[in-house]
Amino acid sequence: MHFLWVLVLSIAFLVLPQFVSANDLEIEFTKNDSYSIEVARISVGDTIKWLPKNEGHNVEFFAGPEISLPLKSEMDQTYSVVFSTPGVYLYGCTPHANMGMLGLIIVGNDLHNLESIKQTALSPIGQSILKRLVRIAETQTRSTTKSP
């Protein structure tokens, strides 16, 4: 009986952290007026932290699956968001979004709101960048959903 109890506890300690612990992803503001990861894929409950490795940038959410999006960050400040709602989020740097400093976050591999993300009002350059990011997101989703 003691052996069985030790075996059950050992399995629980190995498996349980995978289900209860969230992961952190770090994205930097680059010197090229872009984000170091343009299309991020995370699980529900994961945190993204943006790091100001270059001055003059921030994070502002333009669209997502929620009615209430995360608040805009201050300029040149580290910023973290925990994502608890599945879907696609579009964000960018407030002063540089219309020049193409944009990023997508796909939470829980859920693209249910991708069509509304595509309709976000941006400059022609911003729209061009958004189309490229959407293609990347759709391609990644197709490759992760194919069975071996």
Protein backbone atom coordinates (compact mmCIF):
# COMPACT_ATOMS: atom_id res chain seq x y z
CA MET A 1 0.00 0.00 0.00
CA HIS A 2 2.84 2.37 0.84
CA PHE A 3 4.38 1.77 -2.60
CA LEU A 4 1.07 2.58 -4.31
CA TRP A 5 0.72 5.83 -2.32
CA VAL A 6 4.28 6.90 -3.25
CA LEU A 7 3.62 6.06 -6.88
CA VAL A 8 0.41 8.14 -6.99
CA LEU A 9 2.10 11.12 -5.33
CA SER A 10 5.08 10.90 -7.68
CA ILE A 11 2.85 10.92 -10.74
CA ALA A 12 0.82 13.82 -9.33
CA PHE A 13 3.95 15.91 -8.77
CA LEU A 14 5.12 15.24 -12.31
CA VAL A 15 1.79 15.89 -14.06
CA LEU A 16 0.10 18.55 -11.93
CA PRO A 17 2.57 21.41 -12.61
CA GLN A 18 1.84 21.14 -16.33
CA PHE A 19 -1.81 21.92 -15.67
CA VAL A 20 -1.60 24.58 -12.97
CA SER A 21 1.52 26.54 -13.84
CA ALA A 22 1.35 29.24 -16.46
CA ASN A 23 4.25 30.22 -18.66
CA ASP A 24 5.83 33.61 -19.19
CA LEU A 25 6.84 34.94 -22.58
CA GLU A 26 9.08 37.99 -22.98
CA ILE A 27 8.81 40.32 -25.97
CA GLU A 28 11.28 43.15 -26.50
CA PHE A 29 10.87 46.53 -28.17
CA THR A 30 13.60 46.35 -30.82
CA LYS A 31 15.79 49.06 -32.31
CA ASN A 32 14.01 48.46 -35.64
CA ASP A 33 10.69 49.79 -34.30
CA SER A 34 9.22 46.31 -34.05
CA TYR A 35 8.54 43.66 -31.43
CA SER A 36 10.95 40.76 -31.08
CA ILE A 37 8.04 38.31 -31.47
CA GLU A 38 5.37 39.52 -33.88
CA VAL A 39 2.96 36.56 -33.61
CA ALA A 40 2.93 35.01 -30.15
CA ARG A 41 1.10 31.79 -29.27
CA ILE A 42 0.30 31.22 -25.63
CA SER A 43 -2.04 29.17 -23.49
CA VAL A 44 -4.88 30.56 -21.41
CA GLY A 45 -3.40 31.82 -18.13
CA ASP A 46 0.03 32.61 -19.57
CA THR A 47 1.70 35.98 -19.08
CA ILE A 48 3.44 38.13 -21.66
CA LYS A 49 5.99 40.66 -20.47
CA TRP A 50 7.12 43.43 -22.82
CA LEU A 51 10.65 44.69 -22.17
CA PRO A 52 11.80 48.17 -23.23
CA LYS A 53 15.13 47.39 -24.89
CA ASN A 54 14.74 50.52 -27.03
CA GLU A 55 13.27 53.92 -26.14
CA GLY A 56 10.08 55.52 -27.42
CA HIS A 57 7.75 52.50 -27.38
CA ASN A 58 4.82 51.07 -25.46
CA VAL A 59 1.99 48.54 -25.79
CA GLU A 60 -1.60 49.45 -26.66
CA PHE A 61 -4.30 46.88 -27.47
CA PHE A 62 -6.47 47.74 -30.48
CA ALA A 63 -8.68 44.65 -30.68
CA GLY A 64 -9.29 41.34 -29.00
CA PRO A 65 -11.93 38.87 -27.88
CA GLU A 66 -12.87 40.80 -24.76
CA ILE A 67 -15.08 43.84 -24.40
CA SER A 68 -12.52 45.28 -22.00
CA LEU A 69 -8.96 45.12 -23.33
CA PRO A 70 -5.84 45.51 -21.16
CA LEU A 71 -4.84 49.08 -20.41
CA LYS A 72 -2.24 50.90 -22.49
CA SER A 73 1.26 50.79 -21.02
CA GLU A 74 3.40 53.77 -20.22
CA MET A 75 6.21 54.66 -22.62
CA ASP A 76 9.51 52.85 -22.07
CA GLN A 77 8.17 50.75 -19.18
CA THR A 78 8.14 47.01 -18.58
CA TYR A 79 4.55 45.81 -18.99
CA SER A 80 2.91 42.46 -18.18
CA VAL A 81 -0.50 41.03 -19.01
CA VAL A 82 -2.02 37.70 -17.96
CA PHE A 83 -4.31 36.40 -20.72
CA SER A 84 -7.36 34.60 -19.36
CA THR A 85 -9.65 34.78 -22.42
CA PRO A 86 -8.95 32.70 -25.55
CA GLY A 87 -8.80 34.44 -28.91
CA VAL A 88 -6.68 36.78 -30.99
CA TYR A 89 -5.37 40.09 -29.66
CA LEU A 90 -3.96 42.89 -31.82
CA TYR A 91 -1.59 45.32 -30.18
CA GLY A 92 0.95 47.91 -31.21
CA CYS A 93 3.09 50.81 -30.17
CA THR A 94 0.88 53.89 -29.86
CA PRO A 95 3.14 56.30 -31.80
CA HIS A 96 4.39 53.67 -34.30
CA ALA A 97 1.43 51.35 -35.00
CA ASN A 98 0.53 53.12 -38.23
CA MET A 99 4.13 52.65 -39.33
CA GLY A 100 3.79 48.91 -38.77
CA MET A 101 4.88 48.30 -35.15
CA LEU A 102 2.18 45.71 -34.50
CA GLY A 103 1.87 42.27 -32.97
CA LEU A 104 -0.68 39.47 -32.65
CA ILE A 105 -1.24 37.19 -29.69
CA ILE A 106 -3.14 33.95 -30.15
CA VAL A 107 -4.39 32.64 -26.82
CA GLY A 108 -5.45 29.01 -26.57
CA ASN A 109 -5.00 28.40 -30.33
CA ASP A 110 -8.40 30.10 -30.76
CA LEU A 111 -8.95 32.20 -33.90
CA HIS A 112 -12.70 32.77 -33.41
CA ASN A 113 -12.36 36.57 -33.61
CA LEU A 114 -9.74 36.75 -36.38
CA GLU A 115 -12.22 38.22 -38.89
CA SER A 116 -12.96 41.14 -36.55
CA ILE A 117 -9.21 41.66 -36.01
CA LYS A 118 -8.81 41.97 -39.81
CA GLN A 119 -11.34 44.84 -39.79
CA THR A 120 -9.33 47.01 -37.37
CA ALA A 121 -8.83 50.52 -38.76
CA LEU A 122 -5.15 51.14 -39.45
CA SER A 123 -3.07 53.14 -41.92
CA PRO A 124 -2.25 51.47 -45.28
CA ILE A 125 1.15 50.43 -43.90
CA GLY A 126 -0.46 49.12 -40.72
CA GLN A 127 -3.02 47.17 -42.77
CA SER A 128 -0.24 45.64 -44.86
CA ILE A 129 1.64 44.52 -41.75
CA LEU A 130 -1.58 43.19 -40.18
CA LYS A 131 -2.28 41.10 -43.30
CA ARG A 132 1.21 39.60 -43.06
CA LEU A 133 0.74 38.81 -39.35
CA VAL A 134 -2.67 37.21 -40.04
CA ARG A 135 -1.12 35.00 -42.74
CA ILE A 136 1.53 33.88 -40.26
CA ALA A 137 -1.11 33.15 -37.62
CA GLU A 138 -3.27 31.17 -40.07
CA THR A 139 -0.27 29.21 -41.37
CA GLN A 140 0.91 28.37 -37.86
CA THR A 141 -2.60 27.23 -36.92
CA ARG A 142 -2.87 24.96 -39.96
CA SER A 143 0.53 23.41 -39.22
CA THR A 144 -0.30 22.80 -35.54
CA THR A 145 -3.69 21.23 -36.28
CA LYS A 146 -2.48 18.75 -38.92
CA SER A 147 -2.28 15.25 -37.61
CA PRO A 148 1.02 13.35 -37.99
